[in-house]
Amino acid sequence: MGRIWHWRTTVFVGILLAFILLLGVSFGPVSLEFTKIIRTLLGLSGGLQEEERTLLLELRLPRVLLAALVGSALATSGAVY
């Protein structure tokens, strides 16, 4: 009988989730550049301007993270039931 859990699948899904979260943050009425989002989140120079940074960190990022958390909670409850 084969293994149920494979670490490669977990790593792949984790990386895919992180990419989709960053992609979800970049779209909206005000478009944010993908590379500038990454630079801002890592604290590097050349990131977003002040208004865009506020938009990212106070509006979009909390919403996307909450959506991922709610989705994982629903998936877990569906798997348990």
C-alpha atoms as a PDB file:
ATOM      1  CA  MET A   1       0.000   0.000   0.000  1.00  0.00           C
ATOM      2  CA  GLY A   2       1.385   3.424  -0.979  1.00  0.00           C
ATOM      3  CA  ARG A   3       1.902   6.386   1.249  1.00  0.00           C
ATOM      4  CA  ILE A   4      -0.977   8.804   1.639  1.00  0.00           C
ATOM      5  CA  TRP A   5       1.125  11.918   2.276  1.00  0.00           C
ATOM      6  CA  HIS A   6       3.918  13.039  -0.048  1.00  0.00           C
ATOM      7  CA  TRP A   7       6.123  15.953   0.983  1.00  0.00           C
ATOM      8  CA  ARG A   8       6.669  17.036  -2.626  1.00  0.00           C
ATOM      9  CA  THR A   9       2.952  17.535  -3.101  1.00  0.00           C
ATOM     10  CA  THR A  10       2.768  19.617   0.079  1.00  0.00           C
ATOM     11  CA  VAL A  11       5.667  21.838  -1.013  1.00  0.00           C
ATOM     12  CA  PHE A  12       4.203  22.263  -4.498  1.00  0.00           C
ATOM     13  CA  VAL A  13       0.764  23.196  -3.160  1.00  0.00           C
ATOM     14  CA  GLY A  14       2.314  25.617  -0.652  1.00  0.00           C
ATOM     15  CA  ILE A  15       4.295  27.396  -3.357  1.00  0.00           C
ATOM     16  CA  LEU A  16       1.251  27.458  -5.621  1.00  0.00           C
ATOM     17  CA  LEU A  17      -0.864  28.950  -2.815  1.00  0.00           C
ATOM     18  CA  ALA A  18       1.727  31.669  -2.131  1.00  0.00           C
ATOM     19  CA  PHE A  19       1.862  32.544  -5.848  1.00  0.00           C
ATOM     20  CA  ILE A  20      -1.932  32.707  -6.115  1.00  0.00           C
ATOM     21  CA  LEU A  21      -2.154  34.870  -2.992  1.00  0.00           C
ATOM     22  CA  LEU A  22       0.357  37.337  -4.445  1.00  0.00           C
ATOM     23  CA  LEU A  23      -1.466  37.277  -7.746  1.00  0.00           C
ATOM     24  CA  GLY A  24      -4.778  37.954  -5.980  1.00  0.00           C
ATOM     25  CA  VAL A  25      -3.280  40.941  -4.196  1.00  0.00           C
ATOM     26  CA  SER A  26      -1.986  42.472  -7.432  1.00  0.00           C
ATOM     27  CA  PHE A  27      -5.374  42.698  -9.209  1.00  0.00           C
ATOM     28  CA  GLY A  28      -8.031  45.314  -8.512  1.00  0.00           C
ATOM     29  CA  PRO A  29      -9.164  48.781  -9.578  1.00  0.00           C
ATOM     30  CA  VAL A  30      -5.612  49.982  -8.869  1.00  0.00           C
ATOM     31  CA  SER A  31      -3.174  47.568 -10.466  1.00  0.00           C
ATOM     32  CA  LEU A  32      -0.017  46.820  -8.464  1.00  0.00           C
ATOM     33  CA  GLU A  33       3.124  45.438 -10.074  1.00  0.00           C
ATOM     34  CA  PHE A  34       4.032  41.918  -9.007  1.00  0.00           C
ATOM     35  CA  THR A  35       7.735  42.661  -8.515  1.00  0.00           C
ATOM     36  CA  LYS A  36       7.018  45.780  -6.451  1.00  0.00           C
ATOM     37  CA  ILE A  37       4.685  43.773  -4.205  1.00  0.00           C
ATOM     38  CA  ILE A  38       7.429  41.233  -3.532  1.00  0.00           C
ATOM     39  CA  ARG A  39       9.979  44.004  -2.887  1.00  0.00           C
ATOM     40  CA  THR A  40       7.602  45.689  -0.445  1.00  0.00           C
ATOM     41  CA  LEU A  41       6.828  42.484   1.440  1.00  0.00           C
ATOM     42  CA  LEU A  42      10.541  41.652   1.714  1.00  0.00           C
ATOM     43  CA  GLY A  43      11.417  45.215   2.785  1.00  0.00           C
ATOM     44  CA  LEU A  44      13.694  45.901  -0.184  1.00  0.00           C
ATOM     45  CA  SER A  45      14.135  49.280  -1.847  1.00  0.00           C
ATOM     46  CA  GLY A  46      12.218  50.033  -5.034  1.00  0.00           C
ATOM     47  CA  GLY A  47       8.892  48.801  -3.680  1.00  0.00           C
ATOM     48  CA  LEU A  48       5.494  50.436  -3.744  1.00  0.00           C
ATOM     49  CA  GLN A  49       4.817  54.114  -3.099  1.00  0.00           C
ATOM     50  CA  GLU A  50       3.121  55.203   0.133  1.00  0.00           C
ATOM     51  CA  GLU A  51      -0.505  55.092  -1.112  1.00  0.00           C
ATOM     52  CA  GLU A  52       0.037  51.766  -2.860  1.00  0.00           C
ATOM     53  CA  ARG A  53       1.767  50.365   0.232  1.00  0.00           C
ATOM     54  CA  THR A  54      -1.224  51.342   2.378  1.00  0.00           C
ATOM     55  CA  LEU A  55      -3.560  49.759  -0.166  1.00  0.00           C
ATOM     56  CA  LEU A  56      -1.546  46.545  -0.100  1.00  0.00           C
ATOM     57  CA  LEU A  57      -0.855  46.169   3.608  1.00  0.00           C
ATOM     58  CA  GLU A  58      -4.111  47.500   5.064  1.00  0.00           C
ATOM     59  CA  LEU A  59      -6.737  46.427   2.526  1.00  0.00           C
ATOM     60  CA  ARG A  60      -5.762  43.769   0.022  1.00  0.00           C
ATOM     61  CA  LEU A  61      -3.352  41.557   1.964  1.00  0.00           C
ATOM     62  CA  PRO A  62      -5.623  41.065   5.019  1.00  0.00           C
ATOM     63  CA  ARG A  63      -8.565  40.197   2.758  1.00  0.00           C
ATOM     64  CA  VAL A  64      -6.604  37.670   0.712  1.00  0.00           C
ATOM     65  CA  LEU A  65      -5.059  36.057   3.813  1.00  0.00           C
ATOM     66  CA  LEU A  66      -8.483  35.826   5.475  1.00  0.00           C
ATOM     67  CA  ALA A  67      -9.928  34.252   2.315  1.00  0.00           C
ATOM     68  CA  ALA A  68      -7.138  31.649   2.336  1.00  0.00           C
ATOM     69  CA  LEU A  69      -7.727  30.940   6.031  1.00  0.00           C
ATOM     70  CA  VAL A  70     -11.493  30.549   5.577  1.00  0.00           C
ATOM     71  CA  GLY A  71     -10.941  28.339   2.527  1.00  0.00           C
ATOM     72  CA  SER A  72      -8.567  26.069   4.428  1.00  0.00           C
ATOM     73  CA  ALA A  73     -11.002  25.862   7.352  1.00  0.00           C
ATOM     74  CA  LEU A  74     -13.838  24.879   5.003  1.00  0.00           C
ATOM     75  CA  ALA A  75     -11.615  22.295   3.293  1.00  0.00           C
ATOM     76  CA  THR A  76     -10.635  20.826   6.654  1.00  0.00           C
ATOM     77  CA  SER A  77     -14.221  20.631   7.862  1.00  0.00           C
ATOM     78  CA  GLY A  78     -15.252  19.021   4.581  1.00  0.00           C
ATOM     79  CA  ALA A  79     -12.493  16.447   4.864  1.00  0.00           C
ATOM     80  CA  VAL A  80     -13.401  15.605   8.475  1.00  0.00           C
ATOM     81  CA  TYR A  81     -17.108  15.299   7.768  1.00  0.00           C
END
